[in-house]
Amino acid sequence: MLFMLIVKASPTSETGKLPSIELMEAMTKYNEELDEAGVRIMAKGLHPSSSGIRLSFTTPGEQPVMTEGPFGNPKELVSGFFLIDVESREAAIDWAMRMPDPIGNGEGEVELRQVFEGPVETEV
């Protein structure tokens, strides 16, 4: 089962400043544990929203509206993600609970979501 651990942005992550050496070491250790267990597919951090572009599809059939960052409330943004492949929802929760505070300073917030696999059925 694929799960994404979505690391929410914060005012600190939106500055683009790298985390402390201690946090970087803790995250490296966490990534190594994921690798050793064979569950990590990918893990990446994102640049701050100030370097991002947002497309809004406001009118069906028309071109999307393009807006350059930065974007509003950092708590509504994403600063990174982990994609893991585990046996169960409980295993995904266990891995999420092991993660160090991904932002530091008590600012970290992680959202855990299962990824659709295979064809997605739609209602008719």
Protein backbone atom coordinates (compact mmCIF):
# COMPACT_ATOMS: atom_id res chain seq x y z
CA MET A 1 0.00 0.00 0.00
CA LEU A 2 1.37 3.39 -0.97
CA PHE A 3 1.16 6.27 1.47
CA MET A 4 2.39 9.83 1.25
CA LEU A 5 3.60 11.63 4.34
CA ILE A 6 2.98 15.26 3.42
CA VAL A 7 5.14 17.69 5.38
CA LYS A 8 3.19 20.90 5.85
CA ALA A 9 5.00 24.21 5.45
CA SER A 10 5.53 26.71 8.25
CA PRO A 11 6.73 30.31 8.50
CA THR A 12 10.24 28.88 9.05
CA SER A 13 10.20 26.55 6.03
CA GLU A 14 8.85 29.35 3.85
CA THR A 15 12.01 31.40 4.52
CA GLY A 16 14.01 28.81 2.58
CA LYS A 17 16.47 28.51 5.46
CA LEU A 18 17.87 25.00 5.90
CA PRO A 19 17.07 23.14 9.13
CA SER A 20 19.59 22.82 11.96
CA ILE A 21 22.41 20.32 11.67
CA GLU A 22 20.77 18.26 14.44
CA LEU A 23 17.48 18.07 12.54
CA MET A 24 19.23 17.23 9.28
CA GLU A 25 21.05 14.38 11.05
CA ALA A 26 17.79 13.12 12.59
CA MET A 27 16.07 13.20 9.19
CA THR A 28 19.03 11.39 7.58
CA LYS A 29 18.74 8.67 10.24
CA TYR A 30 14.97 8.42 9.64
CA ASN A 31 15.55 8.08 5.87
CA GLU A 32 18.16 5.39 6.48
CA GLU A 33 15.68 3.47 8.65
CA LEU A 34 13.05 3.71 5.91
CA ASP A 35 15.62 2.46 3.38
CA GLU A 36 16.79 -0.41 5.60
CA ALA A 37 13.17 -1.51 6.03
CA GLY A 38 12.70 -1.34 2.24
CA VAL A 39 9.66 0.95 2.44
CA ARG A 40 10.93 4.31 1.14
CA ILE A 41 10.07 5.00 -2.50
CA MET A 42 11.05 8.67 -2.47
CA ALA A 43 11.51 11.59 -0.10
CA LYS A 44 12.07 15.21 -1.15
CA GLY A 45 11.87 18.70 0.23
CA LEU A 46 10.39 21.54 -1.77
CA HIS A 47 11.60 25.07 -2.37
CA PRO A 48 9.51 27.77 -0.64
CA SER A 49 6.29 28.87 -2.33
CA SER A 50 7.97 32.18 -3.27
CA SER A 51 9.55 30.27 -6.17
CA GLY A 52 6.36 28.40 -7.06
CA ILE A 53 3.59 28.88 -9.59
CA ARG A 54 -0.06 28.02 -9.00
CA LEU A 55 -2.54 27.24 -11.78
CA SER A 56 -6.23 27.86 -11.03
CA PHE A 57 -8.77 26.26 -13.34
CA THR A 58 -11.53 28.77 -12.71
CA THR A 59 -13.54 28.50 -15.93
CA PRO A 60 -14.21 25.15 -17.62
CA GLY A 61 -12.77 25.00 -21.13
CA GLU A 62 -10.58 28.09 -20.68
CA GLN A 63 -6.89 28.42 -19.93
CA PRO A 64 -5.97 28.28 -16.24
CA VAL A 65 -5.02 31.45 -14.39
CA MET A 66 -1.34 31.47 -13.44
CA THR A 67 -0.23 33.06 -10.16
CA GLU A 68 3.36 33.33 -8.99
CA GLY A 69 4.18 32.73 -5.32
CA PRO A 70 4.52 33.28 -2.51
CA PHE A 71 1.15 31.88 -1.53
CA GLY A 72 -1.03 32.58 1.52
CA ASN A 73 -0.99 30.79 4.83
CA PRO A 74 2.08 28.51 5.17
CA LYS A 75 -0.03 25.96 7.10
CA GLU A 76 -1.97 25.38 3.85
CA LEU A 77 1.22 24.68 1.86
CA VAL A 78 3.52 21.69 1.47
CA SER A 79 7.26 21.83 2.16
CA GLY A 80 8.14 18.21 1.40
CA PHE A 81 6.96 14.62 1.19
CA PHE A 82 7.84 10.98 1.73
CA LEU A 83 6.35 8.23 -0.42
CA ILE A 84 6.37 4.86 1.34
CA ASP A 85 5.18 1.38 0.38
CA VAL A 86 3.99 -0.57 3.42
CA GLU A 87 1.78 -3.55 4.23
CA SER A 88 -0.98 -1.68 6.05
CA ARG A 89 -2.42 1.61 7.23
CA GLU A 90 -1.15 0.79 10.71
CA ALA A 91 2.41 0.38 9.39
CA ALA A 92 2.14 3.77 7.65
CA ILE A 93 0.98 5.36 10.91
CA ASP A 94 3.88 3.72 12.73
CA TRP A 95 6.41 5.18 10.27
CA ALA A 96 4.75 8.60 10.46
CA MET A 97 4.96 8.52 14.25
CA ARG A 98 8.71 7.79 14.08
CA MET A 99 9.46 10.88 12.01
CA PRO A 100 11.33 13.66 13.79
CA ASP A 101 9.69 17.10 13.79
CA PRO A 102 10.35 17.82 10.09
CA ILE A 103 10.53 21.61 10.51
CA GLY A 104 11.92 21.84 14.02
CA ASN A 105 11.00 24.31 16.76
CA GLY A 106 7.69 22.50 17.33
CA GLU A 107 6.41 23.78 13.94
CA GLY A 108 6.21 20.44 12.15
CA GLU A 109 2.97 18.99 10.91
CA VAL A 110 2.65 15.87 8.76
CA GLU A 111 -0.44 14.66 6.94
CA LEU A 112 -0.65 10.96 6.09
CA ARG A 113 -2.65 10.01 2.97
CA GLN A 114 -3.04 6.76 1.07
CA VAL A 115 -2.23 6.92 -2.64
CA PHE A 116 -4.65 5.50 -5.20
CA GLU A 117 -3.14 2.54 -7.03
CA GLY A 118 -4.28 1.08 -10.31
CA PRO A 119 -7.30 2.34 -12.22
CA VAL A 120 -9.57 4.65 -10.29
CA GLU A 121 -13.24 3.80 -10.60
CA THR A 122 -15.71 6.64 -11.00
CA GLU A 123 -19.42 6.67 -10.42
CA VAL A 124 -21.66 6.80 -13.48
